[in-house]
Amino acid sequence: MFRENHTILIEAILSLRQLLQKYLPIDNSLIAYDLILLLSIHNYSEGHITVKQLFRSLPHSSTAIRYHYTRFITDGWIEIYRNVQDKRVKFVRPTQKFIEIMNAFTKDAERLIIKN
């Protein structure tokens, strides 16, 4: 039988998932969710990530990652830019749209977690 704090935690997780659906273009996909988290971590830590690093950093098939990666580019969530010193290297970063929505999501998520 669950203790009361387990139930509260599980309810908070469910609420957090509903926030994900409201804000982020994950389409019920852990691959899309992982991409968003990885890009957010690199954005907030002011780190660069290459397209190659992005694909290698996730435990999913490159075909599945490419599907969401392409969708995110097409829908204006991420953008590609070249390295100034080496034009062969391409970086990926969130767009302003992505950053604004992620900021709103994290603000609501923080309120939800602190409330519980």
C-alpha atoms as a PDB file:
ATOM      1  CA  MET A   1       0.000   0.000   0.000  1.00  0.00           C
ATOM      2  CA  PHE A   2       1.292   3.461  -0.928  1.00  0.00           C
ATOM      3  CA  ARG A   3       2.164   5.866   1.795  1.00  0.00           C
ATOM      4  CA  GLU A   4       0.681   9.337   1.558  1.00  0.00           C
ATOM      5  CA  ASN A   5       3.921  10.994   0.379  1.00  0.00           C
ATOM      6  CA  HIS A   6       4.199   8.460  -2.465  1.00  0.00           C
ATOM      7  CA  THR A   7       0.731   9.425  -3.653  1.00  0.00           C
ATOM      8  CA  ILE A   8       1.595  13.128  -3.479  1.00  0.00           C
ATOM      9  CA  LEU A   9       4.772  12.546  -5.486  1.00  0.00           C
ATOM     10  CA  ILE A  10       2.982  10.487  -8.126  1.00  0.00           C
ATOM     11  CA  GLU A  11       0.261  13.140  -8.437  1.00  0.00           C
ATOM     12  CA  ALA A  12       2.981  15.798  -8.877  1.00  0.00           C
ATOM     13  CA  ILE A  13       4.627  13.703 -11.598  1.00  0.00           C
ATOM     14  CA  LEU A  14       1.279  13.393 -13.386  1.00  0.00           C
ATOM     15  CA  SER A  15       0.731  17.152 -13.115  1.00  0.00           C
ATOM     16  CA  LEU A  16       4.228  17.765 -14.456  1.00  0.00           C
ATOM     17  CA  ARG A  17       3.476  15.522 -17.422  1.00  0.00           C
ATOM     18  CA  GLN A  18       0.340  17.556 -18.121  1.00  0.00           C
ATOM     19  CA  LEU A  19       2.485  20.706 -18.100  1.00  0.00           C
ATOM     20  CA  LEU A  20       4.809  19.064 -20.628  1.00  0.00           C
ATOM     21  CA  GLN A  21       1.852  18.458 -22.929  1.00  0.00           C
ATOM     22  CA  LYS A  22       0.685  22.046 -22.506  1.00  0.00           C
ATOM     23  CA  TYR A  23       3.996  23.746 -23.282  1.00  0.00           C
ATOM     24  CA  LEU A  24       6.355  21.499 -25.199  1.00  0.00           C
ATOM     25  CA  PRO A  25       6.165  19.809 -28.621  1.00  0.00           C
ATOM     26  CA  ILE A  26       6.877  16.323 -27.341  1.00  0.00           C
ATOM     27  CA  ASP A  27       3.945  14.511 -28.985  1.00  0.00           C
ATOM     28  CA  ASN A  28       4.084  11.847 -26.235  1.00  0.00           C
ATOM     29  CA  SER A  29       7.611  10.920 -27.323  1.00  0.00           C
ATOM     30  CA  LEU A  30      10.455  10.335 -24.909  1.00  0.00           C
ATOM     31  CA  ILE A  31      12.832  11.013 -27.800  1.00  0.00           C
ATOM     32  CA  ALA A  32      11.437  14.525 -28.282  1.00  0.00           C
ATOM     33  CA  TYR A  33      11.444  15.015 -24.509  1.00  0.00           C
ATOM     34  CA  ASP A  34      15.095  13.928 -24.276  1.00  0.00           C
ATOM     35  CA  LEU A  35      16.040  16.284 -27.122  1.00  0.00           C
ATOM     36  CA  ILE A  36      14.356  19.200 -25.379  1.00  0.00           C
ATOM     37  CA  LEU A  37      16.037  18.424 -22.070  1.00  0.00           C
ATOM     38  CA  LEU A  38      19.484  18.048 -23.625  1.00  0.00           C
ATOM     39  CA  LEU A  39      19.162  21.283 -25.604  1.00  0.00           C
ATOM     40  CA  SER A  40      17.876  23.102 -22.524  1.00  0.00           C
ATOM     41  CA  ILE A  41      20.777  21.917 -20.391  1.00  0.00           C
ATOM     42  CA  HIS A  42      23.272  23.115 -22.983  1.00  0.00           C
ATOM     43  CA  ASN A  43      21.444  26.404 -23.438  1.00  0.00           C
ATOM     44  CA  TYR A  44      21.218  27.229 -19.731  1.00  0.00           C
ATOM     45  CA  SER A  45      24.813  26.203 -19.061  1.00  0.00           C
ATOM     46  CA  GLU A  46      25.906  28.346 -22.034  1.00  0.00           C
ATOM     47  CA  GLY A  47      27.519  25.339 -23.644  1.00  0.00           C
ATOM     48  CA  HIS A  48      27.630  24.589 -27.324  1.00  0.00           C
ATOM     49  CA  ILE A  49      26.533  21.277 -28.739  1.00  0.00           C
ATOM     50  CA  THR A  50      27.240  20.093 -32.240  1.00  0.00           C
ATOM     51  CA  VAL A  51      24.687  18.253 -34.303  1.00  0.00           C
ATOM     52  CA  LYS A  52      26.920  15.175 -34.082  1.00  0.00           C
ATOM     53  CA  GLN A  53      27.146  15.433 -30.273  1.00  0.00           C
ATOM     54  CA  LEU A  54      23.393  15.843 -30.049  1.00  0.00           C
ATOM     55  CA  PHE A  55      22.772  12.629 -31.962  1.00  0.00           C
ATOM     56  CA  ARG A  56      25.428  10.724 -30.006  1.00  0.00           C
ATOM     57  CA  SER A  57      24.221  11.927 -26.615  1.00  0.00           C
ATOM     58  CA  LEU A  58      20.837  10.253 -26.738  1.00  0.00           C
ATOM     59  CA  PRO A  59      20.106   6.538 -26.335  1.00  0.00           C
ATOM     60  CA  HIS A  60      17.770   6.387 -29.325  1.00  0.00           C
ATOM     61  CA  SER A  61      18.183   5.441 -32.952  1.00  0.00           C
ATOM     62  CA  SER A  62      19.517   8.149 -35.229  1.00  0.00           C
ATOM     63  CA  THR A  63      16.436   7.753 -37.436  1.00  0.00           C
ATOM     64  CA  ALA A  64      14.106   8.465 -34.519  1.00  0.00           C
ATOM     65  CA  ILE A  65      16.210  11.404 -33.330  1.00  0.00           C
ATOM     66  CA  ARG A  66      16.394  12.812 -36.862  1.00  0.00           C
ATOM     67  CA  TYR A  67      12.593  12.757 -37.167  1.00  0.00           C
ATOM     68  CA  HIS A  68      12.126  15.028 -34.114  1.00  0.00           C
ATOM     69  CA  TYR A  69      15.243  17.082 -34.866  1.00  0.00           C
ATOM     70  CA  THR A  70      13.899  17.882 -38.354  1.00  0.00           C
ATOM     71  CA  ARG A  71      10.435  18.616 -36.954  1.00  0.00           C
ATOM     72  CA  PHE A  72      11.934  21.004 -34.387  1.00  0.00           C
ATOM     73  CA  ILE A  73      13.832  22.859 -37.125  1.00  0.00           C
ATOM     74  CA  THR A  74      10.776  23.067 -39.388  1.00  0.00           C
ATOM     75  CA  ASP A  75       8.556  24.270 -36.536  1.00  0.00           C
ATOM     76  CA  GLY A  76      11.054  26.924 -35.403  1.00  0.00           C
ATOM     77  CA  TRP A  77      12.117  25.349 -32.106  1.00  0.00           C
ATOM     78  CA  ILE A  78      15.817  24.938 -32.919  1.00  0.00           C
ATOM     79  CA  GLU A  79      18.300  26.405 -35.377  1.00  0.00           C
ATOM     80  CA  ILE A  80      21.620  25.367 -36.838  1.00  0.00           C
ATOM     81  CA  TYR A  81      24.669  27.599 -37.090  1.00  0.00           C
ATOM     82  CA  ARG A  82      28.228  27.001 -38.249  1.00  0.00           C
ATOM     83  CA  ASN A  83      31.419  27.231 -36.249  1.00  0.00           C
ATOM     84  CA  VAL A  84      33.277  30.434 -37.136  1.00  0.00           C
ATOM     85  CA  GLN A  85      36.697  28.748 -37.090  1.00  0.00           C
ATOM     86  CA  ASP A  86      35.687  25.528 -38.855  1.00  0.00           C
ATOM     87  CA  LYS A  87      32.774  25.785 -41.288  1.00  0.00           C
ATOM     88  CA  ARG A  88      32.434  21.975 -41.369  1.00  0.00           C
ATOM     89  CA  VAL A  89      31.197  21.953 -37.768  1.00  0.00           C
ATOM     90  CA  LYS A  90      27.510  22.694 -37.212  1.00  0.00           C
ATOM     91  CA  PHE A  91      26.036  23.621 -33.853  1.00  0.00           C
ATOM     92  CA  VAL A  92      22.420  23.416 -32.786  1.00  0.00           C
ATOM     93  CA  ARG A  93      20.704  25.766 -30.366  1.00  0.00           C
ATOM     94  CA  PRO A  94      17.196  26.589 -29.200  1.00  0.00           C
ATOM     95  CA  THR A  95      15.432  29.507 -30.838  1.00  0.00           C
ATOM     96  CA  GLN A  96      14.012  32.411 -28.861  1.00  0.00           C
ATOM     97  CA  LYS A  97      10.597  30.725 -29.163  1.00  0.00           C
ATOM     98  CA  PHE A  98      12.003  27.577 -27.507  1.00  0.00           C
ATOM     99  CA  ILE A  99      13.687  29.593 -24.720  1.00  0.00           C
ATOM    100  CA  GLU A 100      10.587  31.642 -23.911  1.00  0.00           C
ATOM    101  CA  ILE A 101       8.335  28.596 -23.769  1.00  0.00           C
ATOM    102  CA  MET A 102      10.887  26.620 -21.734  1.00  0.00           C
ATOM    103  CA  ASN A 103      11.147  29.525 -19.264  1.00  0.00           C
ATOM    104  CA  ALA A 104       7.358  29.569 -18.869  1.00  0.00           C
ATOM    105  CA  PHE A 105       7.300  25.786 -18.467  1.00  0.00           C
ATOM    106  CA  THR A 106      10.033  25.760 -15.810  1.00  0.00           C
ATOM    107  CA  LYS A 107       8.330  28.593 -13.916  1.00  0.00           C
ATOM    108  CA  ASP A 108       5.049  26.639 -13.759  1.00  0.00           C
ATOM    109  CA  ALA A 109       6.891  23.382 -12.992  1.00  0.00           C
ATOM    110  CA  GLU A 110       8.724  25.041 -10.113  1.00  0.00           C
ATOM    111  CA  ARG A 111       5.428  26.309  -8.659  1.00  0.00           C
ATOM    112  CA  LEU A 112       3.949  22.833  -8.990  1.00  0.00           C
ATOM    113  CA  ILE A 113       6.895  21.109  -7.298  1.00  0.00           C
ATOM    114  CA  ILE A 114       7.167  23.638  -4.464  1.00  0.00           C
ATOM    115  CA  LYS A 115       3.402  23.423  -3.854  1.00  0.00           C
ATOM    116  CA  ASN A 116       3.714  19.677  -3.296  1.00  0.00           C
END
